[in-house]
Protein backbone atom coordinates (compact mmCIF):
# COMPACT_ATOMS: atom_id res chain seq x y z
CA UNK A 1 0.57 7.19 -46.46
CA UNK A 2 2.93 9.94 -45.25
CA UNK A 3 2.11 11.65 -41.98
CA UNK A 4 3.29 12.05 -38.41
CA UNK A 5 2.46 10.70 -34.96
CA UNK A 6 1.50 13.08 -32.16
CA UNK A 7 0.32 12.83 -28.53
CA UNK A 8 1.54 9.26 -28.09
CA UNK A 9 0.58 8.01 -24.62
CA UNK A 10 0.29 4.63 -22.97
CA UNK A 11 -3.10 3.63 -21.58
CA UNK A 12 -3.62 1.71 -18.37
CA UNK A 13 -5.13 -1.74 -18.21
CA UNK A 14 -4.47 -4.96 -20.09
CA UNK A 15 -2.52 -7.82 -18.59
CA UNK A 16 -1.25 -9.31 -21.84
CA UNK A 17 -0.90 -6.31 -24.16
CA UNK A 18 0.51 -2.81 -24.21
CA UNK A 19 -2.05 -0.27 -25.39
CA UNK A 20 -1.07 3.15 -26.75
CA UNK A 21 -3.24 6.01 -27.98
CA UNK A 22 -1.97 8.50 -30.54
CA UNK A 23 -2.95 10.95 -33.25
CA UNK A 24 -2.12 10.36 -36.90
CA UNK A 25 -1.73 13.70 -38.63
CA UNK A 26 -1.73 13.85 -42.41
CA UNK A 27 -1.95 17.39 -43.71
CA UNK A 28 -5.00 18.99 -42.09
CA UNK A 29 -6.54 15.62 -41.24
CA UNK A 30 -6.17 14.24 -37.70
CA UNK A 31 -7.30 10.75 -36.71
CA UNK A 32 -7.35 9.17 -33.25
CA UNK A 33 -5.86 5.66 -33.31
CA UNK A 34 -4.92 2.85 -30.93
CA UNK A 35 -1.76 0.75 -31.07
CA UNK A 36 -1.77 -2.63 -29.38
CA UNK A 37 1.46 -4.56 -28.88
CA UNK A 38 1.00 -8.18 -27.85
CA UNK A 39 3.20 -10.21 -25.56
CA UNK A 40 3.60 -13.97 -25.53
CA UNK A 41 1.26 -15.59 -28.03
CA UNK A 42 0.70 -19.05 -26.57
CA UNK A 43 -2.09 -19.85 -24.17
CA UNK A 44 -1.75 -21.37 -20.74
CA UNK A 45 0.75 -24.21 -21.09
CA UNK A 46 0.21 -23.95 -24.84
CA UNK A 47 -3.28 -25.49 -24.64
CA UNK A 48 -5.82 -22.75 -23.97
CA UNK A 49 -6.41 -20.54 -27.02
CA UNK A 50 -4.28 -17.41 -27.31
CA UNK A 51 -4.19 -15.87 -30.76
CA UNK A 52 -1.23 -14.23 -32.40
CA UNK A 53 -1.67 -10.56 -33.27
CA UNK A 54 -2.36 -11.24 -36.95
CA UNK A 55 -4.92 -13.89 -36.06
CA UNK A 56 -6.53 -11.63 -33.48
CA UNK A 57 -6.86 -8.89 -36.09
CA UNK A 58 -8.30 -11.35 -38.62
CA UNK A 59 -11.03 -12.39 -36.19
CA UNK A 60 -11.93 -8.74 -35.55
CA UNK A 61 -12.14 -8.08 -39.29
CA UNK A 62 -14.39 -11.10 -39.81
CA UNK A 63 -16.63 -10.13 -36.89
CA UNK A 64 -16.99 -6.58 -38.15
CA UNK A 65 -17.79 -7.80 -41.65
CA UNK A 66 -20.62 -9.84 -40.11
CA UNK A 67 -22.07 -6.76 -38.38
CA UNK A 68 -20.56 -7.11 -34.90
CA UNK A 69 -18.98 -3.94 -33.45
CA UNK A 70 -15.37 -5.10 -33.32
CA UNK A 71 -12.54 -2.55 -33.57
CA UNK A 72 -11.71 -1.31 -37.06
CA UNK A 73 -8.25 -2.69 -37.91
CA UNK A 74 -6.15 -0.19 -39.89
CA UNK A 75 -2.65 -1.73 -39.81
CA UNK A 76 -1.14 -5.09 -38.83
CA UNK A 77 2.52 -4.74 -37.86
CA UNK A 78 5.10 -6.58 -39.94
CA UNK A 79 8.49 -7.88 -38.71
CA UNK A 80 10.32 -5.17 -40.66
CA UNK A 81 8.51 -2.52 -38.62
CA UNK A 82 10.74 -3.44 -35.69
CA UNK A 83 7.98 -3.06 -33.09
CA UNK A 84 7.07 -6.67 -32.43
CA UNK A 85 3.65 -8.18 -32.94
CA UNK A 86 0.62 -5.92 -32.87
CA UNK A 87 -1.85 -3.84 -34.83
CA UNK A 88 -3.43 -0.40 -35.09
CA UNK A 89 -7.18 0.17 -34.77
CA UNK A 90 -9.45 3.17 -34.88
CA UNK A 91 -10.22 4.87 -31.57
CA UNK A 92 -13.78 4.42 -30.28
CA UNK A 93 -15.15 6.96 -27.82
CA UNK A 94 -16.87 5.53 -24.74
CA UNK A 95 -16.52 4.01 -21.28
CA UNK A 96 -14.82 0.68 -20.48
CA UNK A 97 -14.37 0.82 -16.69
CA UNK A 98 -16.75 -1.70 -15.17
CA UNK A 99 -17.97 0.29 -12.17
CA UNK A 100 -18.71 3.32 -14.33
CA UNK A 101 -20.58 1.24 -16.87
CA UNK A 102 -22.88 -0.21 -14.19
CA UNK A 103 -23.19 2.79 -11.84
CA UNK A 104 -22.55 6.07 -13.69
CA UNK A 105 -25.78 8.07 -13.91
CA UNK A 106 -24.76 9.39 -17.33
CA UNK A 107 -25.02 5.82 -18.67
CA UNK A 108 -28.40 4.99 -17.13
CA UNK A 109 -30.06 5.18 -20.55
CA UNK A 110 -27.46 2.85 -22.00
CA UNK A 111 -28.05 0.31 -19.25
CA UNK A 112 -31.74 0.14 -20.14
CA UNK A 113 -30.91 -1.29 -23.58
CA UNK A 114 -27.47 -2.82 -23.08
CA UNK A 115 -28.49 -6.38 -22.20
CA UNK A 116 -30.60 -6.74 -25.33
CA UNK A 117 -27.86 -5.15 -27.44
CA UNK A 118 -25.34 -7.65 -26.04
CA UNK A 119 -27.67 -10.49 -27.00
CA UNK A 120 -27.99 -9.13 -30.52
CA UNK A 121 -24.22 -8.69 -30.89
CA UNK A 122 -23.49 -12.17 -29.55
CA UNK A 123 -25.98 -13.55 -32.04
CA UNK A 124 -24.00 -11.89 -34.83
CA UNK A 125 -20.66 -13.09 -33.47
CA UNK A 126 -21.83 -16.68 -33.26
CA UNK A 127 -22.85 -16.60 -36.93
CA UNK A 128 -19.54 -15.22 -38.23
CA UNK A 129 -18.27 -17.43 -41.10
CA UNK A 130 -15.10 -19.21 -39.93
CA UNK A 131 -13.95 -20.68 -43.25
CA UNK A 132 -11.07 -18.19 -43.43
CA UNK A 133 -10.28 -18.53 -39.70
CA UNK A 134 -8.78 -22.02 -39.85
CA UNK A 135 -6.24 -21.11 -37.14
CA UNK A 136 -8.98 -21.08 -34.49
CA UNK A 137 -8.97 -23.98 -32.05
CA UNK A 138 -12.10 -26.09 -31.87
CA UNK A 139 -12.93 -26.86 -28.24
CA UNK A 140 -15.82 -29.09 -27.21
CA UNK A 141 -17.09 -28.81 -23.62
CA UNK A 142 -14.97 -31.89 -22.84
CA UNK A 143 -11.89 -30.21 -24.34
CA UNK A 144 -12.51 -27.07 -22.27
CA UNK A 145 -12.82 -29.13 -19.11
CA UNK A 146 -9.70 -31.21 -19.77
CA UNK A 147 -7.62 -28.09 -20.45
CA UNK A 148 -8.47 -26.30 -17.22
CA UNK A 149 -8.51 -29.45 -15.07
CA UNK A 150 -4.94 -30.17 -16.19
CA UNK A 151 -3.86 -26.57 -15.58
CA UNK A 152 -5.16 -26.80 -12.02
CA UNK A 153 -3.42 -30.12 -11.38
CA UNK A 154 -0.09 -28.56 -12.39
CA UNK A 155 -0.42 -25.93 -9.64
CA UNK A 156 -0.37 -28.60 -6.93
CA UNK A 157 -3.04 -26.74 -4.94
CA UNK A 158 -5.53 -28.80 -2.94
CA UNK A 159 -8.87 -27.24 -2.00
CA UNK A 160 -12.14 -29.08 -1.27
CA UNK A 161 -14.30 -26.51 -3.09
CA UNK A 162 -12.11 -26.77 -6.18
CA UNK A 163 -12.31 -30.55 -6.07
CA UNK A 164 -16.10 -30.41 -5.78
CA UNK A 165 -16.36 -27.93 -8.66
CA UNK A 166 -14.16 -30.09 -10.90
CA UNK A 167 -16.31 -33.14 -10.14
CA UNK A 168 -19.59 -31.25 -10.72
CA UNK A 169 -18.46 -29.88 -14.08
CA UNK A 170 -17.27 -33.29 -15.23
CA UNK A 171 -20.61 -34.86 -14.27
CA UNK A 172 -22.63 -32.17 -16.07
CA UNK A 173 -20.66 -31.76 -19.31
CA UNK A 174 -23.09 -31.21 -22.19
CA UNK A 175 -22.62 -32.63 -25.65
CA UNK A 176 -21.48 -30.23 -28.37
CA UNK A 177 -24.66 -29.47 -30.31
CA UNK A 178 -24.05 -26.24 -32.20
CA UNK A 179 -20.56 -24.82 -32.75
CA UNK A 180 -19.66 -21.27 -33.73
CA UNK A 181 -17.19 -18.48 -33.19
CA UNK A 182 -16.97 -17.83 -29.44
CA UNK A 183 -15.44 -14.61 -28.08
CA UNK A 184 -14.85 -16.36 -24.70
CA UNK A 185 -14.27 -13.11 -22.75
CA UNK A 186 -17.41 -11.13 -23.61
CA UNK A 187 -18.05 -9.22 -20.37
CA UNK A 188 -18.26 -5.84 -18.70
CA UNK A 189 -14.79 -4.34 -18.85
CA UNK A 190 -14.25 -5.60 -22.41
CA UNK A 191 -17.11 -3.51 -23.81
CA UNK A 192 -17.02 0.14 -24.88
CA UNK A 193 -20.27 1.75 -23.81
CA UNK A 194 -21.66 5.14 -24.81
CA UNK A 195 -24.85 6.96 -23.87
CA UNK A 196 -26.75 5.03 -26.56
CA UNK A 197 -25.40 1.65 -25.43
CA UNK A 198 -22.84 -0.81 -26.78
CA UNK A 199 -20.31 0.75 -29.15
CA UNK A 200 -17.50 -1.81 -29.44
CA UNK A 201 -16.36 -5.24 -28.23
CA UNK A 202 -12.70 -5.51 -27.22
CA UNK A 203 -10.19 -8.28 -26.41
CA UNK A 204 -10.69 -11.03 -28.99
CA UNK A 205 -7.39 -12.81 -28.36
CA UNK A 206 -8.83 -15.96 -26.75
CA UNK A 207 -11.55 -16.51 -29.36
CA UNK A 208 -12.24 -20.10 -30.37
CA UNK A 209 -14.83 -22.30 -32.04
CA UNK A 210 -17.06 -23.86 -29.44
CA UNK A 211 -20.46 -23.83 -27.75
CA UNK A 212 -21.99 -20.36 -28.30
CA UNK A 213 -23.84 -20.50 -24.97
CA UNK A 214 -20.44 -20.11 -23.32
CA UNK A 215 -20.44 -16.39 -24.11
CA UNK A 216 -23.82 -15.82 -22.50
CA UNK A 217 -22.68 -17.62 -19.36
CA UNK A 218 -19.50 -15.53 -19.04
CA UNK A 219 -21.47 -12.29 -19.39
CA UNK A 220 -23.70 -13.32 -16.45
CA UNK A 221 -20.85 -14.06 -14.00
CA UNK A 222 -21.15 -12.13 -10.73
CA UNK A 223 -17.39 -11.40 -10.73
CA UNK A 224 -17.87 -9.14 -13.76
CA UNK A 225 -20.92 -7.23 -12.49
CA UNK A 226 -18.74 -4.67 -10.68
CA UNK A 227 -21.33 -4.00 -7.98
CA UNK A 228 -24.21 -3.57 -10.42
CA UNK A 229 -27.57 -5.20 -9.71
CA UNK A 230 -28.32 -6.73 -13.08
CA UNK A 231 -27.64 -10.43 -13.63
CA UNK A 232 -26.28 -9.59 -17.08
CA UNK A 233 -22.96 -7.77 -16.68
CA UNK A 234 -24.26 -5.81 -13.68
CA UNK A 235 -26.52 -3.75 -15.94
CA UNK A 236 -29.42 -5.81 -17.30
CA UNK A 237 -31.82 -8.74 -17.16
CA UNK A 238 -31.37 -12.22 -18.57
CA UNK A 239 -34.70 -12.11 -20.41
CA UNK A 240 -33.53 -9.04 -22.36
CA UNK A 241 -30.22 -10.74 -23.21
CA UNK A 242 -31.99 -13.87 -24.42
CA UNK A 243 -34.59 -11.91 -26.40
CA UNK A 244 -31.87 -9.98 -28.23
CA UNK A 245 -30.01 -13.18 -29.02
CA UNK A 246 -33.10 -14.98 -30.28
CA UNK A 247 -34.12 -12.02 -32.46
CA UNK A 248 -30.86 -12.32 -34.42
CA UNK A 249 -30.29 -16.07 -34.50
CA UNK A 250 -33.85 -17.37 -34.64
CA UNK A 251 -32.79 -19.98 -32.06
CA UNK A 252 -34.24 -20.32 -28.58
CA UNK A 253 -31.61 -19.84 -25.88
CA UNK A 254 -30.91 -23.04 -23.93
CA UNK A 255 -31.01 -21.65 -20.39
CA UNK A 256 -29.66 -24.84 -18.86
CA UNK A 257 -26.57 -24.65 -21.07
CA UNK A 258 -26.10 -20.99 -20.13
CA UNK A 259 -26.32 -22.03 -16.47
CA UNK A 260 -23.65 -24.70 -17.00
CA UNK A 261 -21.29 -22.27 -18.73
CA UNK A 262 -21.82 -19.62 -16.05
CA UNK A 263 -20.82 -22.20 -13.44
CA UNK A 264 -17.85 -23.34 -15.54
CA UNK A 265 -16.76 -19.73 -16.07
CA UNK A 266 -16.56 -19.31 -12.30
CA UNK A 267 -14.43 -22.43 -12.02
CA UNK A 268 -12.14 -21.19 -14.82
CA UNK A 269 -11.70 -17.83 -13.08
CA UNK A 270 -10.94 -19.61 -9.79
CA UNK A 271 -8.30 -21.71 -11.57
CA UNK A 272 -6.86 -18.56 -13.16
CA UNK A 273 -6.58 -17.04 -9.68
CA UNK A 274 -4.82 -20.16 -8.40
CA UNK A 275 -2.35 -20.07 -11.28
CA UNK A 276 -1.54 -16.42 -10.68
CA UNK A 277 -1.23 -16.90 -6.94
CA UNK A 278 1.12 -19.85 -7.31
CA UNK A 279 3.33 -18.21 -9.96
CA UNK A 280 7.00 -18.13 -9.01
CA UNK A 281 9.96 -16.00 -9.96
CA UNK A 282 13.14 -17.58 -11.33
CA UNK A 283 14.56 -18.15 -7.83
CA UNK A 284 11.44 -19.89 -6.55
CA UNK A 285 10.01 -16.94 -4.63
CA UNK A 286 6.58 -15.44 -5.20
CA UNK A 287 6.35 -13.81 -8.60
CA UNK A 288 4.79 -10.63 -7.20
CA UNK A 289 2.58 -9.35 -4.41
CA UNK A 290 -0.07 -8.41 -6.98
CA UNK A 291 -0.27 -11.95 -8.36
CA UNK A 292 -0.43 -13.36 -4.85
CA UNK A 293 -3.34 -11.03 -4.06
CA UNK A 294 -5.18 -12.24 -7.18
CA UNK A 295 -4.59 -15.81 -6.04
CA UNK A 296 -6.33 -15.06 -2.75
CA UNK A 297 -9.47 -14.08 -4.66
CA UNK A 298 -10.13 -17.64 -5.85
CA UNK A 299 -12.73 -18.00 -3.09
CA UNK A 300 -15.00 -15.38 -4.66
CA UNK A 301 -15.81 -17.31 -7.88
CA UNK A 302 -15.90 -20.55 -5.88
CA UNK A 303 -18.58 -19.05 -3.61
CA UNK A 304 -20.52 -18.00 -6.70
CA UNK A 305 -20.08 -21.49 -8.16
CA UNK A 306 -21.55 -23.09 -5.03
CA UNK A 307 -24.54 -20.78 -5.08
CA UNK A 308 -25.18 -21.59 -8.75
CA UNK A 309 -25.15 -25.36 -8.36
CA UNK A 310 -26.75 -25.82 -4.95
CA UNK A 311 -30.03 -27.82 -4.97
C-alpha cells in the first residue's frame, strides 16, 4: 500500500532488539506503528530458545488468535527489504516501565485488577494451539535444568550459593505433566498497562513448549516487582492470579509447581547475571562496565532463592 513514513524515532530499552516508533501516512489516514529489528537469533550457546523474527511474529499471531493480547503484526520483513530480520506491529498506548506500573497513582485502579487479568491471559496463552508452531522447542523441567546448569559451568565461576541452588533444583525437578505454549518472560516490564489494566504482552522471543506453571513462577519473582508490594509482579496477590487462571483453564493451579518455578527463575536470572558479568571482549578484557555491573547483581536473585527454599 503506498504511503510515507514520518516521525521515525528509536525507543529506549531492549537488550536484543532495536525498537523504532513511526507514523505511516496514507492519504489522510495516519497510523502509529512499531518496527522491531532483531539481532542474533540463536539462544545462549544455541541451546536456550531464541526465536527468529518470523517465528516470533508467528507466535504472536497465534496467541492473538486465541484471545491473548499480543501485538498485532502488520508486516514481517523479507530479505529483499534490505533491513535485516524484523517485523512491524501496531502501536499500543500504555505504560511499560516497571516502577511506574507498580507505583504510579494514575494506575492504582489497574493494579486492583491486574493480577487476575494476568492469570486470565496466561490461561489463554497456555491453551494456544501449537500445531502450526512446530519450530518451538519442547523443554521438560529436566531439559531446562540441563541447559542452564551447562551454561553456568561454561562460565567457570565458583560460588557456594550457586552450587547449593543447582543441587536443590536438581533434587526437586518435577515430572512434565501438562505441556503448553509458555511465554517464559511474562513479567512486569514486558506488559503494557493502561488505566483499565493489562493491554498487551510483549517480548515473545524466548517462547517454548513446556510446563505452564513456569510463567506463573516468573511473574512472582521479587526481581521483577520493581519496589511494589504485591507478590505478583509488584502489583497484586497470588490468590487473584490463580483465580484468574483457573477461571479460564478450568484447572486448579499447582502452587507447589509455581513455587518450584519461582525458585528456578531466580537461579536462571542469577546464571544470566554471571554470564553477563563474565563476558569478554575479543582481546580478553571485560566486555563492558555495564555487563560487569549486571554480573555483580547475581547475589540478589540468589538471596531470593534462599528465602524461597529455606525450611
